[in-house]
C-alpha atoms as a PDB file:
ATOM      1  CA  UNK A   1     -10.988  33.626 -14.950  1.00  0.00           C
ATOM      2  CA  UNK A   2     -11.228  36.649 -16.795  1.00  0.00           C
ATOM      3  CA  UNK A   3     -12.211  40.381 -14.905  1.00  0.00           C
ATOM      4  CA  UNK A   4     -15.624  40.574 -14.249  1.00  0.00           C
ATOM      5  CA  UNK A   5     -17.147  43.881 -15.933  1.00  0.00           C
ATOM      6  CA  UNK A   6     -17.797  46.079 -12.576  1.00  0.00           C
ATOM      7  CA  UNK A   7     -21.712  46.890 -12.743  1.00  0.00           C
ATOM      8  CA  UNK A   8     -22.489  42.902 -12.944  1.00  0.00           C
ATOM      9  CA  UNK A   9     -20.855  42.273 -10.156  1.00  0.00           C
ATOM     10  CA  UNK A  10     -22.559  45.408  -8.116  1.00  0.00           C
ATOM     11  CA  UNK A  11     -26.205  44.308  -9.288  1.00  0.00           C
ATOM     12  CA  UNK A  12     -25.637  40.706  -8.002  1.00  0.00           C
ATOM     13  CA  UNK A  13     -24.446  41.997  -4.995  1.00  0.00           C
ATOM     14  CA  UNK A  14     -27.914  43.866  -4.658  1.00  0.00           C
ATOM     15  CA  UNK A  15     -28.826  40.518  -2.920  1.00  0.00           C
ATOM     16  CA  UNK A  16     -26.589  40.451   0.035  1.00  0.00           C
ATOM     17  CA  UNK A  17     -27.175  41.775   3.439  1.00  0.00           C
ATOM     18  CA  UNK A  18     -24.937  43.950   4.825  1.00  0.00           C
ATOM     19  CA  UNK A  19     -21.668  41.698   5.814  1.00  0.00           C
ATOM     20  CA  UNK A  20     -18.411  41.963   6.635  1.00  0.00           C
ATOM     21  CA  UNK A  21     -17.414  40.125   3.906  1.00  0.00           C
ATOM     22  CA  UNK A  22     -17.309  40.301  -0.121  1.00  0.00           C
ATOM     23  CA  UNK A  23     -16.266  39.396  -3.146  1.00  0.00           C
ATOM     24  CA  UNK A  24     -15.981  42.622  -4.160  1.00  0.00           C
ATOM     25  CA  UNK A  25     -14.654  44.339  -0.825  1.00  0.00           C
ATOM     26  CA  UNK A  26     -12.315  42.128  -0.047  1.00  0.00           C
ATOM     27  CA  UNK A  27     -10.109  43.314   3.712  1.00  0.00           C
ATOM     28  CA  UNK A  28      -6.064  44.014   2.825  1.00  0.00           C
ATOM     29  CA  UNK A  29      -4.601  40.846   4.117  1.00  0.00           C
ATOM     30  CA  UNK A  30      -2.906  41.230   7.280  1.00  0.00           C
ATOM     31  CA  UNK A  31       0.984  40.502   7.278  1.00  0.00           C
ATOM     32  CA  UNK A  32       2.122  37.146   7.836  1.00  0.00           C
ATOM     33  CA  UNK A  33       4.425  37.133  11.517  1.00  0.00           C
ATOM     34  CA  UNK A  34       7.091  34.732  11.631  1.00  0.00           C
ATOM     35  CA  UNK A  35       6.480  31.626  12.625  1.00  0.00           C
ATOM     36  CA  UNK A  36       2.866  31.865  11.343  1.00  0.00           C
ATOM     37  CA  UNK A  37       1.985  28.935   8.969  1.00  0.00           C
ATOM     38  CA  UNK A  38       1.448  29.940   5.371  1.00  0.00           C
ATOM     39  CA  UNK A  39      -2.205  30.623   3.978  1.00  0.00           C
ATOM     40  CA  UNK A  40      -1.555  27.768   1.633  1.00  0.00           C
ATOM     41  CA  UNK A  41      -0.826  25.410   4.443  1.00  0.00           C
ATOM     42  CA  UNK A  42      -4.438  26.433   6.174  1.00  0.00           C
ATOM     43  CA  UNK A  43      -6.601  26.365   3.560  1.00  0.00           C
ATOM     44  CA  UNK A  44      -9.070  23.715   3.015  1.00  0.00           C
ATOM     45  CA  UNK A  45     -11.335  22.773   0.411  1.00  0.00           C
ATOM     46  CA  UNK A  46     -15.180  23.384   0.096  1.00  0.00           C
ATOM     47  CA  UNK A  47     -16.721  20.066   1.744  1.00  0.00           C
ATOM     48  CA  UNK A  48     -19.581  21.770   3.893  1.00  0.00           C
ATOM     49  CA  UNK A  49     -22.589  21.866   1.312  1.00  0.00           C
ATOM     50  CA  UNK A  50     -23.265  25.543   1.733  1.00  0.00           C
ATOM     51  CA  UNK A  51     -25.750  25.887  -1.071  1.00  0.00           C
ATOM     52  CA  UNK A  52     -28.008  23.162   0.028  1.00  0.00           C
ATOM     53  CA  UNK A  53     -27.786  24.727   3.658  1.00  0.00           C
ATOM     54  CA  UNK A  54     -28.182  28.173   2.679  1.00  0.00           C
ATOM     55  CA  UNK A  55     -31.000  30.003   4.587  1.00  0.00           C
ATOM     56  CA  UNK A  56     -30.448  33.858   4.105  1.00  0.00           C
ATOM     57  CA  UNK A  57     -28.944  34.261   7.610  1.00  0.00           C
ATOM     58  CA  UNK A  58     -26.052  35.929   7.885  1.00  0.00           C
ATOM     59  CA  UNK A  59     -24.159  32.805   8.870  1.00  0.00           C
ATOM     60  CA  UNK A  60     -24.877  30.810   5.798  1.00  0.00           C
ATOM     61  CA  UNK A  61     -24.248  33.835   3.295  1.00  0.00           C
ATOM     62  CA  UNK A  62     -21.141  34.393   4.994  1.00  0.00           C
ATOM     63  CA  UNK A  63     -19.841  30.558   3.987  1.00  0.00           C
ATOM     64  CA  UNK A  64     -21.424  30.837   0.971  1.00  0.00           C
ATOM     65  CA  UNK A  65     -18.961  33.868   0.480  1.00  0.00           C
ATOM     66  CA  UNK A  66     -15.651  32.233   2.433  1.00  0.00           C
ATOM     67  CA  UNK A  67     -16.828  29.007   0.084  1.00  0.00           C
ATOM     68  CA  UNK A  68     -16.396  31.182  -2.840  1.00  0.00           C
ATOM     69  CA  UNK A  69     -13.214  33.124  -2.203  1.00  0.00           C
ATOM     70  CA  UNK A  70     -11.530  29.459  -1.004  1.00  0.00           C
ATOM     71  CA  UNK A  71     -12.754  26.817  -3.309  1.00  0.00           C
ATOM     72  CA  UNK A  72     -15.095  28.392  -6.271  1.00  0.00           C
ATOM     73  CA  UNK A  73     -15.050  25.287  -8.572  1.00  0.00           C
ATOM     74  CA  UNK A  74     -16.766  23.276  -5.325  1.00  0.00           C
ATOM     75  CA  UNK A  75     -18.830  25.522  -4.606  1.00  0.00           C
ATOM     76  CA  UNK A  76     -19.620  25.784  -9.192  1.00  0.00           C
ATOM     77  CA  UNK A  77     -20.622  22.030  -8.884  1.00  0.00           C
ATOM     78  CA  UNK A  78     -23.011  21.835  -5.547  1.00  0.00           C
ATOM     79  CA  UNK A  79     -24.448  24.582  -7.418  1.00  0.00           C
ATOM     80  CA  UNK A  80     -24.960  23.762 -11.145  1.00  0.00           C
ATOM     81  CA  UNK A  81     -26.504  20.163  -9.436  1.00  0.00           C
ATOM     82  CA  UNK A  82     -28.885  22.741  -7.070  1.00  0.00           C
ATOM     83  CA  UNK A  83     -29.942  24.030 -10.438  1.00  0.00           C
ATOM     84  CA  UNK A  84     -32.842  21.762 -11.106  1.00  0.00           C
ATOM     85  CA  UNK A  85     -33.797  21.724  -7.234  1.00  0.00           C
ATOM     86  CA  UNK A  86     -37.800  21.687  -7.633  1.00  0.00           C
ATOM     87  CA  UNK A  87     -37.154  24.586  -4.330  1.00  0.00           C
ATOM     88  CA  UNK A  88     -36.063  27.681  -5.144  1.00  0.00           C
ATOM     89  CA  UNK A  89     -35.310  28.756  -1.455  1.00  0.00           C
ATOM     90  CA  UNK A  90     -32.071  26.391  -2.785  1.00  0.00           C
ATOM     91  CA  UNK A  91     -32.100  27.483  -6.251  1.00  0.00           C
ATOM     92  CA  UNK A  92     -31.127  31.197  -4.982  1.00  0.00           C
ATOM     93  CA  UNK A  93     -28.481  30.500  -3.707  1.00  0.00           C
ATOM     94  CA  UNK A  94     -26.872  28.357  -6.747  1.00  0.00           C
ATOM     95  CA  UNK A  95     -28.053  31.157  -9.307  1.00  0.00           C
ATOM     96  CA  UNK A  96     -26.346  33.848  -7.247  1.00  0.00           C
ATOM     97  CA  UNK A  97     -23.137  32.018  -6.555  1.00  0.00           C
ATOM     98  CA  UNK A  98     -22.759  30.643 -10.210  1.00  0.00           C
ATOM     99  CA  UNK A  99     -23.475  34.555 -11.353  1.00  0.00           C
ATOM    100  CA  UNK A 100     -19.968  35.369  -9.312  1.00  0.00           C
ATOM    101  CA  UNK A 101     -18.081  32.611 -10.542  1.00  0.00           C
ATOM    102  CA  UNK A 102     -18.712  31.918 -14.440  1.00  0.00           C
ATOM    103  CA  UNK A 103     -16.956  33.919 -17.115  1.00  0.00           C
ATOM    104  CA  UNK A 104     -17.148  33.923 -20.470  1.00  0.00           C
ATOM    105  CA  UNK A 105     -15.702  30.517 -20.814  1.00  0.00           C
ATOM    106  CA  UNK A 106     -18.585  28.767 -18.725  1.00  0.00           C
ATOM    107  CA  UNK A 107     -21.694  30.808 -19.337  1.00  0.00           C
ATOM    108  CA  UNK A 108     -23.342  27.333 -20.011  1.00  0.00           C
ATOM    109  CA  UNK A 109     -23.217  26.931 -16.130  1.00  0.00           C
ATOM    110  CA  UNK A 110     -25.483  29.420 -15.710  1.00  0.00           C
ATOM    111  CA  UNK A 111     -27.263  29.770 -18.957  1.00  0.00           C
ATOM    112  CA  UNK A 112     -30.494  27.020 -17.430  1.00  0.00           C
ATOM    113  CA  UNK A 113     -31.212  29.640 -15.049  1.00  0.00           C
ATOM    114  CA  UNK A 114     -32.515  31.655 -17.478  1.00  0.00           C
ATOM    115  CA  UNK A 115     -35.234  29.497 -17.640  1.00  0.00           C
ATOM    116  CA  UNK A 116     -36.103  29.232 -13.751  1.00  0.00           C
ATOM    117  CA  UNK A 117     -39.516  28.881 -13.226  1.00  0.00           C
ATOM    118  CA  UNK A 118     -39.126  31.930 -10.825  1.00  0.00           C
ATOM    119  CA  UNK A 119     -38.628  35.335 -12.291  1.00  0.00           C
ATOM    120  CA  UNK A 120     -36.257  36.717 -10.059  1.00  0.00           C
ATOM    121  CA  UNK A 121     -34.298  34.269 -10.123  1.00  0.00           C
ATOM    122  CA  UNK A 122     -33.909  34.185 -13.915  1.00  0.00           C
ATOM    123  CA  UNK A 123     -33.754  37.803 -13.496  1.00  0.00           C
ATOM    124  CA  UNK A 124     -30.561  37.398 -11.392  1.00  0.00           C
ATOM    125  CA  UNK A 125     -29.105  35.274 -13.664  1.00  0.00           C
ATOM    126  CA  UNK A 126     -29.977  37.306 -16.781  1.00  0.00           C
ATOM    127  CA  UNK A 127     -28.410  40.044 -14.663  1.00  0.00           C
ATOM    128  CA  UNK A 128     -24.658  38.340 -14.768  1.00  0.00           C
ATOM    129  CA  UNK A 129     -25.311  37.065 -18.392  1.00  0.00           C
ATOM    130  CA  UNK A 130     -25.733  40.384 -19.538  1.00  0.00           C
ATOM    131  CA  UNK A 131     -22.306  41.265 -19.410  1.00  0.00           C
ATOM    132  CA  UNK A 132     -20.463  38.126 -20.540  1.00  0.00           C
ATOM    133  CA  UNK A 133     -22.621  38.343 -24.328  1.00  0.00           C
ATOM    134  CA  UNK A 134     -25.256  36.113 -23.515  1.00  0.00           C
ATOM    135  CA  UNK A 135     -27.736  37.341 -26.079  1.00  0.00           C
ATOM    136  CA  UNK A 136     -30.884  35.271 -24.200  1.00  0.00           C
ATOM    137  CA  UNK A 137     -30.510  37.552 -21.016  1.00  0.00           C
ATOM    138  CA  UNK A 138     -31.343  40.665 -22.693  1.00  0.00           C
ATOM    139  CA  UNK A 139     -35.145  39.552 -23.255  1.00  0.00           C
ATOM    140  CA  UNK A 140     -35.179  38.202 -20.036  1.00  0.00           C
ATOM    141  CA  UNK A 141     -34.493  41.287 -18.447  1.00  0.00           C
ATOM    142  CA  UNK A 142     -36.544  43.401 -20.471  1.00  0.00           C
ATOM    143  CA  UNK A 143     -39.566  40.436 -19.199  1.00  0.00           C
ATOM    144  CA  UNK A 144     -38.086  41.400 -15.839  1.00  0.00           C
ATOM    145  CA  UNK A 145     -39.111  45.392 -16.122  1.00  0.00           C
ATOM    146  CA  UNK A 146     -42.686  44.172 -16.223  1.00  0.00           C
ATOM    147  CA  UNK A 147     -42.475  42.445 -12.686  1.00  0.00           C
ATOM    148  CA  UNK A 148     -43.596  44.471  -9.662  1.00  0.00           C
ATOM    149  CA  UNK A 149     -41.546  41.544  -7.107  1.00  0.00           C
ATOM    150  CA  UNK A 150     -39.222  42.499  -5.079  1.00  0.00           C
ATOM    151  CA  UNK A 151     -35.239  41.399  -5.013  1.00  0.00           C
ATOM    152  CA  UNK A 152     -34.674  38.735  -2.742  1.00  0.00           C
ATOM    153  CA  UNK A 153     -32.363  39.206   0.136  1.00  0.00           C
ATOM    154  CA  UNK A 154     -32.067  43.251  -0.886  1.00  0.00           C
ATOM    155  CA  UNK A 155     -31.087  45.430   1.642  1.00  0.00           C
ATOM    156  CA  UNK A 156     -32.914  47.921   1.423  1.00  0.00           C
ATOM    157  CA  UNK A 157     -35.229  46.201  -0.729  1.00  0.00           C
ATOM    158  CA  UNK A 158     -34.775  46.807  -4.259  1.00  0.00           C
ATOM    159  CA  UNK A 159     -37.386  46.125  -6.623  1.00  0.00           C
ATOM    160  CA  UNK A 160     -36.699  44.004  -9.600  1.00  0.00           C
ATOM    161  CA  UNK A 161     -37.896  45.875 -12.996  1.00  0.00           C
ATOM    162  CA  UNK A 162     -35.574  48.622 -11.418  1.00  0.00           C
ATOM    163  CA  UNK A 163     -32.934  45.976 -11.054  1.00  0.00           C
ATOM    164  CA  UNK A 164     -33.229  44.868 -15.038  1.00  0.00           C
ATOM    165  CA  UNK A 165     -33.975  48.137 -16.207  1.00  0.00           C
ATOM    166  CA  UNK A 166     -30.170  49.175 -14.663  1.00  0.00           C
ATOM    167  CA  UNK A 167     -28.537  46.314 -15.918  1.00  0.00           C
ATOM    168  CA  UNK A 168     -30.275  46.773 -19.240  1.00  0.00           C
ATOM    169  CA  UNK A 169     -28.803  50.502 -19.724  1.00  0.00           C
ATOM    170  CA  UNK A 170     -25.707  49.444 -18.168  1.00  0.00           C
ATOM    171  CA  UNK A 171     -25.068  47.517 -21.122  1.00  0.00           C
ATOM    172  CA  UNK A 172     -26.766  49.030 -23.846  1.00  0.00           C
ATOM    173  CA  UNK A 173     -26.459  52.043 -23.083  1.00  0.00           C
ATOM    174  CA  UNK A 174     -29.621  53.135 -23.659  1.00  0.00           C
ATOM    175  CA  UNK A 175     -31.678  55.648 -21.588  1.00  0.00           C
ATOM    176  CA  UNK A 176     -35.226  56.577 -22.074  1.00  0.00           C
ATOM    177  CA  UNK A 177     -35.171  59.905 -19.972  1.00  0.00           C
ATOM    178  CA  UNK A 178     -38.008  58.642 -17.886  1.00  0.00           C
ATOM    179  CA  UNK A 179     -38.935  60.478 -14.756  1.00  0.00           C
ATOM    180  CA  UNK A 180     -38.524  57.974 -11.854  1.00  0.00           C
ATOM    181  CA  UNK A 181     -40.789  60.226  -9.991  1.00  0.00           C
ATOM    182  CA  UNK A 182     -43.866  59.201 -12.420  1.00  0.00           C
ATOM    183  CA  UNK A 183     -46.421  56.655 -10.360  1.00  0.00           C
ATOM    184  CA  UNK A 184     -46.489  55.301 -13.902  1.00  0.00           C
ATOM    185  CA  UNK A 185     -43.067  55.026 -14.486  1.00  0.00           C
ATOM    186  CA  UNK A 186     -42.613  51.491 -14.486  1.00  0.00           C
ATOM    187  CA  UNK A 187     -45.361  50.920 -16.874  1.00  0.00           C
ATOM    188  CA  UNK A 188     -43.424  53.187 -19.175  1.00  0.00           C
ATOM    189  CA  UNK A 189     -39.895  51.858 -18.570  1.00  0.00           C
ATOM    190  CA  UNK A 190     -41.691  48.175 -19.872  1.00  0.00           C
ATOM    191  CA  UNK A 191     -43.273  49.378 -22.665  1.00  0.00           C
ATOM    192  CA  UNK A 192     -40.246  51.441 -24.107  1.00  0.00           C
ATOM    193  CA  UNK A 193     -37.739  48.368 -23.207  1.00  0.00           C
ATOM    194  CA  UNK A 194     -40.073  46.548 -25.243  1.00  0.00           C
ATOM    195  CA  UNK A 195     -40.322  48.566 -28.522  1.00  0.00           C
ATOM    196  CA  UNK A 196     -36.874  48.704 -28.301  1.00  0.00           C
ATOM    197  CA  UNK A 197     -36.614  44.723 -28.602  1.00  0.00           C
ATOM    198  CA  UNK A 198     -39.558  44.688 -30.770  1.00  0.00           C
ATOM    199  CA  UNK A 199     -37.129  47.637 -33.630  1.00  0.00           C
ATOM    200  CA  UNK A 200     -33.766  45.960 -32.400  1.00  0.00           C
ATOM    201  CA  UNK A 201     -33.551  42.833 -31.120  1.00  0.00           C
ATOM    202  CA  UNK A 202     -32.631  41.175 -34.499  1.00  0.00           C
ATOM    203  CA  UNK A 203     -29.908  43.619 -35.057  1.00  0.00           C
ATOM    204  CA  UNK A 204     -27.816  43.489 -31.649  1.00  0.00           C
ATOM    205  CA  UNK A 205     -24.388  42.458 -31.808  1.00  0.00           C
ATOM    206  CA  UNK A 206     -21.968  42.295 -28.582  1.00  0.00           C
ATOM    207  CA  UNK A 207     -19.189  44.189 -29.010  1.00  0.00           C
ATOM    208  CA  UNK A 208     -17.048  42.918 -25.994  1.00  0.00           C
ATOM    209  CA  UNK A 209     -18.444  45.344 -23.109  1.00  0.00           C
ATOM    210  CA  UNK A 210     -21.645  46.381 -24.569  1.00  0.00           C
ATOM    211  CA  UNK A 211     -24.763  45.407 -26.463  1.00  0.00           C
ATOM    212  CA  UNK A 212     -24.512  47.495 -29.926  1.00  0.00           C
ATOM    213  CA  UNK A 213     -27.475  48.231 -33.069  1.00  0.00           C
ATOM    214  CA  UNK A 214     -26.643  49.790 -36.180  1.00  0.00           C
END
């Protein structure tokens, strides 16, 4: 799969508690000692339901990340099925996992999450897809700038509108220069992005790394 843009991966990991494992901070492998089994001999496909069993605990975060490392295809299959779950607590790990798995050729797996009933899950999906040239992700993130929700599992807690604003600024190069200390900065940010979208949305094109407008 293709290399993910750095910010796309980083914003997804805002939703991860501090763990010893990370898809983006792999530890340097320890050199094998003579007689040790090879990694191929000890690696096993993911059989455990890491999406269904996810409950936000460190153990289930670690299990999810280990499965993403060892058998991403199996996790993708579990996550794709879970996107239609009526339980948002099951859809969250599905959206999160697919956000780290999909690339330009598999964006269709995550696209349904842009219509999730939960604003935070829509925004997390859009935060991944905006860096893959998915046009529908941009208005989803702009909508999220008006939200006062907290990004699920973020440590320290991070407001959803800031998450959305960061993603938009990173992939459009647009910065309105708003004073982040202002009491009304969220409303001003949301209004500015809505005005920008009204003026530029129809002419936006993806140049392979950024959303640009003539």
